[in-house]
Amino acid sequence: MPKKKDPNRYDRLIESVFLAGYKSGIQTIPFTKLQFEDVAKNLDISLPKNVPDVIYSFRYRNDFPAQIVGTASPGKEWIIRGTGKGRYSFCHVKHISFKPSDNFAETKIPNATPGIIARYALDDEQALLAKVRFNRLVDIFTGLTCYSLQNHLRTSVKNMGQVETDEIYVGLDKRGVHYIIPVQAKGGKDRLGRVQIEQDFALCAEKFPGLICKSIAAQFLPNDVIVLFEMEFDGDEMAIIGEKHYRLVEPGVLSDAELETYKTRLS
């Protein structure tokens, strides 16, 4: 008799793997993708053909089941870090939210996105990356002269496994110092996550060790508002150290009065 397909099987699978290694006070719970086969048998549910998608979904897209969330200490959360090929670890870390600040001052930028690009962008993320690139928002945000090096860079990092960055820039300051700038972009209802930012820092440390890393995240808001964040990460704690809201507008929408206001803003 074929095993039943549980509509919540991703939740049940990840919860069972977590609880198998959880003890009160524990900070890390290592596991491998091979454990899901035994867990599926014990739960009497069918194992997804693409087991890594179960892990991927909770790393980047979905919330953990309530039973996992409830074990986190106040101000902390559980994330899944890659620790090698097919190896992972639940990690108990400080919670960080990438929710754009309410009522944050906007800066209007004359929209330089070519119309043909805006018309044919295939998804929100692709459109966001294009608008960030054509409007030189990374340059404006960082104060550097920046150049797009590669889109959707997929590679592997030692002791972490496969990682992917939406876009990566190289930058130059007035002293001639070189920077490496990974950018994660999310549009629509998609959300930014800590795991992706950690991976960006690790990628830059391994692949570009001589460059200064500035990690940027971009989020679409309604009405052509783009929020950019800058993060810092010391290998354990992560914090947002910069946030700006840019609204792309037609040149005539930007008034002389607004330009005068920008002159008095603190940097």
Protein backbone atom coordinates (compact mmCIF):
# COMPACT_ATOMS: atom_id res chain seq x y z
CA MET A 1 0.00 0.00 0.00
CA PRO A 2 1.55 3.38 -1.01
CA LYS A 3 2.35 5.77 1.78
CA LYS A 4 0.02 8.71 2.21
CA LYS A 5 0.98 12.21 1.17
CA ASP A 6 0.57 14.54 4.12
CA PRO A 7 -0.19 18.15 3.09
CA ASN A 8 1.97 19.30 6.01
CA ARG A 9 4.71 16.77 5.49
CA TYR A 10 7.48 19.38 5.15
CA ASP A 11 6.55 20.69 8.61
CA ARG A 12 6.36 17.20 10.09
CA LEU A 13 9.65 16.12 8.56
CA ILE A 14 11.68 19.14 9.68
CA GLU A 15 10.06 19.09 13.12
CA SER A 16 10.95 15.42 13.65
CA VAL A 17 14.55 15.91 12.55
CA PHE A 18 14.85 18.88 14.93
CA LEU A 19 13.26 17.16 17.94
CA ALA A 20 15.45 14.08 17.47
CA GLY A 21 18.48 16.17 18.43
CA TYR A 22 16.96 18.84 20.64
CA LYS A 23 17.73 19.19 24.35
CA SER A 24 17.00 22.19 26.53
CA GLY A 25 19.83 24.72 26.35
CA ILE A 26 21.39 23.26 23.22
CA GLN A 27 22.63 25.82 20.68
CA THR A 28 23.36 23.70 17.60
CA ILE A 29 21.80 20.52 16.24
CA PRO A 30 23.71 18.92 13.36
CA PHE A 31 21.84 16.78 10.83
CA THR A 32 22.13 15.42 7.29
CA LYS A 33 19.66 15.03 4.46
CA LEU A 34 19.94 11.25 4.85
CA GLN A 35 18.04 11.43 8.16
CA PHE A 36 14.84 12.37 6.35
CA GLU A 37 14.45 8.86 4.93
CA ASP A 38 14.22 7.27 8.40
CA VAL A 39 11.99 10.07 9.66
CA ALA A 40 9.57 9.62 6.77
CA LYS A 41 9.35 5.89 7.51
CA ASN A 42 8.65 6.53 11.18
CA LEU A 43 5.93 9.05 10.32
CA ASP A 44 4.50 6.76 7.63
CA ILE A 45 4.47 9.53 5.02
CA SER A 46 5.99 9.61 1.56
CA LEU A 47 9.47 11.10 1.26
CA PRO A 48 9.63 14.02 -1.20
CA LYS A 49 11.61 13.20 -4.34
CA ASN A 50 13.68 16.33 -3.79
CA VAL A 51 14.66 16.10 -0.12
CA PRO A 52 16.94 19.18 -0.23
CA ASP A 53 13.85 21.25 -1.09
CA VAL A 54 12.48 20.51 2.39
CA ILE A 55 15.60 22.03 3.91
CA TYR A 56 15.71 24.88 1.37
CA SER A 57 12.12 25.87 2.09
CA PHE A 58 12.83 26.46 5.79
CA ARG A 59 16.16 28.14 5.16
CA TYR A 60 14.75 30.74 2.79
CA ARG A 61 10.96 30.69 2.38
CA ASN A 62 8.88 29.29 5.22
CA ASP A 63 8.59 29.69 8.99
CA PHE A 64 9.47 26.74 11.19
CA PRO A 65 6.61 24.80 12.77
CA ALA A 66 5.36 26.20 16.08
CA GLN A 67 6.98 23.42 18.10
CA ILE A 68 10.44 24.49 16.85
CA VAL A 69 9.74 28.21 17.20
CA GLY A 70 8.56 27.68 20.78
CA THR A 71 11.95 26.33 21.89
CA ALA A 72 13.80 29.54 21.00
CA SER A 73 14.84 31.84 23.83
CA PRO A 74 13.45 35.42 23.95
CA GLY A 75 15.14 37.54 21.29
CA LYS A 76 16.50 34.49 19.52
CA GLU A 77 15.46 32.22 16.66
CA TRP A 78 16.45 28.98 14.97
CA ILE A 79 18.05 29.02 11.51
CA ILE A 80 19.55 26.30 9.34
CA ARG A 81 23.18 26.72 8.30
CA GLY A 82 24.94 24.62 5.73
CA THR A 83 28.03 22.89 7.12
CA GLY A 84 29.19 20.97 4.04
CA LYS A 85 27.80 18.88 1.20
CA GLY A 86 24.54 17.34 2.42
CA ARG A 87 25.28 18.47 6.00
CA TYR A 88 23.45 21.13 7.99
CA SER A 89 22.91 22.43 11.49
CA PHE A 90 20.02 24.06 13.33
CA CYS A 91 21.57 27.09 15.05
CA HIS A 92 20.14 29.16 17.90
CA VAL A 93 20.98 32.78 17.05
CA LYS A 94 19.95 36.36 17.81
CA HIS A 95 16.78 37.28 15.93
CA ILE A 96 17.15 39.93 13.25
CA SER A 97 14.32 41.41 11.22
CA PHE A 98 14.76 42.89 7.76
CA LYS A 99 11.37 44.58 7.86
CA PRO A 100 11.69 48.10 6.40
CA SER A 101 11.22 50.83 8.99
CA ASP A 102 7.82 52.54 8.99
CA ASN A 103 7.71 56.25 8.09
CA PHE A 104 11.36 56.25 7.01
CA ALA A 105 12.29 59.34 4.96
CA GLU A 106 12.25 58.65 1.21
CA THR A 107 14.72 59.96 -1.32
CA LYS A 108 13.38 60.50 -4.83
CA ILE A 109 15.68 59.35 -7.63
CA PRO A 110 15.03 60.18 -11.32
CA ASN A 111 14.17 56.80 -12.82
CA ALA A 112 16.86 55.77 -15.31
CA THR A 113 15.52 52.24 -15.94
CA PRO A 114 15.16 51.69 -19.71
CA GLY A 115 11.49 51.20 -20.58
CA ILE A 116 12.19 48.02 -22.52
CA ILE A 117 13.85 46.48 -19.43
CA ALA A 118 10.88 47.38 -17.21
CA ARG A 119 8.50 45.91 -19.79
CA TYR A 120 10.18 42.53 -20.16
CA ALA A 121 11.59 41.76 -16.70
CA LEU A 122 10.33 38.26 -15.92
CA ASP A 123 9.83 38.52 -12.15
CA ASP A 124 9.99 40.93 -9.23
CA GLU A 125 13.50 39.92 -8.21
CA GLN A 126 14.86 40.35 -11.73
CA ALA A 127 13.12 43.72 -12.08
CA LEU A 128 14.48 44.86 -8.70
CA LEU A 129 18.06 43.95 -9.58
CA ALA A 130 17.72 45.76 -12.93
CA LYS A 131 16.35 48.91 -11.30
CA VAL A 132 19.07 48.89 -8.65
CA ARG A 133 21.69 48.50 -11.39
CA PHE A 134 20.42 51.06 -13.93
CA ASN A 135 19.76 53.69 -11.25
CA ARG A 136 23.17 53.14 -9.64
CA LEU A 137 21.55 52.72 -6.25
CA VAL A 138 24.46 50.68 -4.87
CA ASP A 139 26.79 53.58 -5.74
CA ILE A 140 24.45 56.12 -4.16
CA PHE A 141 23.89 54.04 -1.03
CA THR A 142 27.54 53.14 -0.39
CA GLY A 143 29.21 56.31 -1.72
CA LEU A 144 31.44 54.11 -3.90
CA THR A 145 31.83 53.76 -7.66
CA CYS A 146 30.42 50.27 -8.29
CA TYR A 147 30.34 47.84 -11.19
CA SER A 148 28.18 44.75 -11.56
CA LEU A 149 30.49 41.75 -11.70
CA GLN A 150 28.06 38.83 -11.98
CA ASN A 151 24.39 37.95 -11.60
CA HIS A 152 23.20 34.87 -9.71
CA LEU A 153 26.65 33.72 -8.69
CA ARG A 154 26.42 30.09 -7.59
CA THR A 155 29.45 28.47 -6.04
CA SER A 156 30.53 26.44 -3.03
CA VAL A 157 32.15 27.62 0.19
CA LYS A 158 34.30 25.46 2.44
CA ASN A 159 32.43 24.04 5.45
CA MET A 160 29.20 25.54 4.15
CA GLY A 161 28.34 23.89 0.82
CA GLN A 162 26.62 25.52 -2.11
CA VAL A 163 25.72 29.21 -1.89
CA GLU A 164 24.11 31.64 -4.30
CA THR A 165 24.17 35.45 -4.44
CA ASP A 166 21.65 37.40 -6.52
CA GLU A 167 24.24 39.87 -7.79
CA ILE A 168 27.77 40.83 -6.87
CA TYR A 169 29.46 44.19 -7.45
CA VAL A 170 33.02 45.42 -7.16
CA GLY A 171 33.53 48.95 -5.86
CA LEU A 172 36.19 51.61 -5.66
CA ASP A 173 36.52 54.53 -3.26
CA LYS A 174 38.36 57.84 -3.73
CA ARG A 175 41.50 56.37 -2.13
CA GLY A 176 41.59 53.52 -4.63
CA VAL A 177 40.51 50.87 -2.09
CA HIS A 178 38.61 47.93 -3.61
CA TYR A 179 35.36 46.52 -2.23
CA ILE A 180 33.28 43.43 -2.91
CA ILE A 181 29.54 43.99 -2.58
CA PRO A 182 27.11 41.06 -2.62
CA VAL A 183 23.46 42.02 -3.12
CA GLN A 184 20.43 39.95 -2.10
CA ALA A 185 17.13 41.11 -3.63
CA LYS A 186 13.55 40.29 -2.73
CA GLY A 187 10.37 41.49 -4.40
CA GLY A 188 6.68 41.05 -3.70
CA LYS A 189 5.92 38.91 -0.65
CA ASP A 190 9.37 37.31 -0.56
CA ARG A 191 11.47 38.23 2.43
CA LEU A 192 15.10 38.73 3.19
CA GLY A 193 16.74 36.23 5.52
CA ARG A 194 19.76 36.05 7.79
CA VAL A 195 21.09 32.82 6.24
CA GLN A 196 21.54 34.43 2.83
CA ILE A 197 23.45 37.35 4.32
CA GLU A 198 25.74 35.03 6.31
CA GLN A 199 26.46 33.11 3.10
CA ASP A 200 27.36 36.35 1.31
CA PHE A 201 29.94 37.24 3.96
CA ALA A 202 31.41 33.72 3.83
CA LEU A 203 31.56 33.75 0.03
CA CYS A 204 33.38 37.08 -0.03
CA ALA A 205 35.84 36.04 2.69
CA GLU A 206 36.79 32.90 0.74
CA LYS A 207 36.66 34.07 -2.88
CA PHE A 208 37.73 37.72 -2.45
CA PRO A 209 39.88 37.78 0.72
CA GLY A 210 41.76 40.95 -0.23
CA LEU A 211 38.66 43.10 -0.71
CA ILE A 212 36.49 44.86 1.88
CA CYS A 213 33.03 43.25 2.00
CA LYS A 214 29.91 45.41 2.20
CA SER A 215 26.80 43.23 2.27
CA ILE A 216 23.67 44.84 0.79
CA ALA A 217 20.05 43.67 0.75
CA ALA A 218 17.33 45.19 -1.45
CA GLN A 219 13.57 44.96 -0.87
CA PHE A 220 10.75 46.13 -3.16
CA LEU A 221 7.95 48.16 -1.60
CA PRO A 222 4.83 49.45 -3.43
CA ASN A 223 4.98 52.51 -5.72
CA ASP A 224 8.52 51.90 -6.94
CA VAL A 225 10.12 52.30 -3.50
CA ILE A 226 13.33 50.33 -3.07
CA VAL A 227 14.76 49.79 0.42
CA LEU A 228 18.47 49.08 0.78
CA PHE A 229 20.04 47.67 3.95
CA GLU A 230 23.70 47.27 4.85
CA MET A 231 24.70 44.59 7.35
CA GLU A 232 27.72 43.75 9.45
CA PHE A 233 28.55 40.25 10.70
CA ASP A 234 31.41 39.14 12.94
CA GLY A 235 30.91 35.41 12.49
CA ASP A 236 28.28 35.25 15.24
CA GLU A 237 26.27 38.44 15.70
CA MET A 238 24.62 40.29 12.82
CA ALA A 239 23.26 43.84 12.76
CA ILE A 240 21.78 46.29 10.27
CA ILE A 241 24.07 49.33 10.09
CA GLY A 242 22.38 51.25 7.30
CA GLU A 243 18.92 51.66 5.74
CA LYS A 244 17.69 53.95 2.98
CA HIS A 245 14.40 54.23 1.08
CA TYR A 246 14.59 55.32 -2.56
CA ARG A 247 11.56 56.14 -4.71
CA LEU A 248 12.08 56.06 -8.48
CA VAL A 249 10.22 58.92 -10.15
CA GLU A 250 9.98 60.73 -13.45
CA PRO A 251 12.37 63.71 -13.50
CA GLY A 252 9.56 66.29 -13.41
CA VAL A 253 8.18 64.85 -10.15
CA LEU A 254 11.28 65.85 -8.20
CA SER A 255 10.74 69.46 -7.09
CA ASP A 256 13.28 72.18 -6.35
CA ALA A 257 11.98 72.32 -2.77
CA GLU A 258 12.74 68.62 -2.29
CA LEU A 259 16.24 69.07 -3.67
CA GLU A 260 16.81 71.87 -1.17
CA THR A 261 15.58 69.59 1.64
CA TYR A 262 18.08 66.89 0.64
CA LYS A 263 20.92 69.40 1.09
CA THR A 264 20.16 69.68 4.81
CA ARG A 265 19.80 65.98 5.54
CA LEU A 266 22.37 64.24 7.67
CA SER A 267 24.31 61.59 5.79
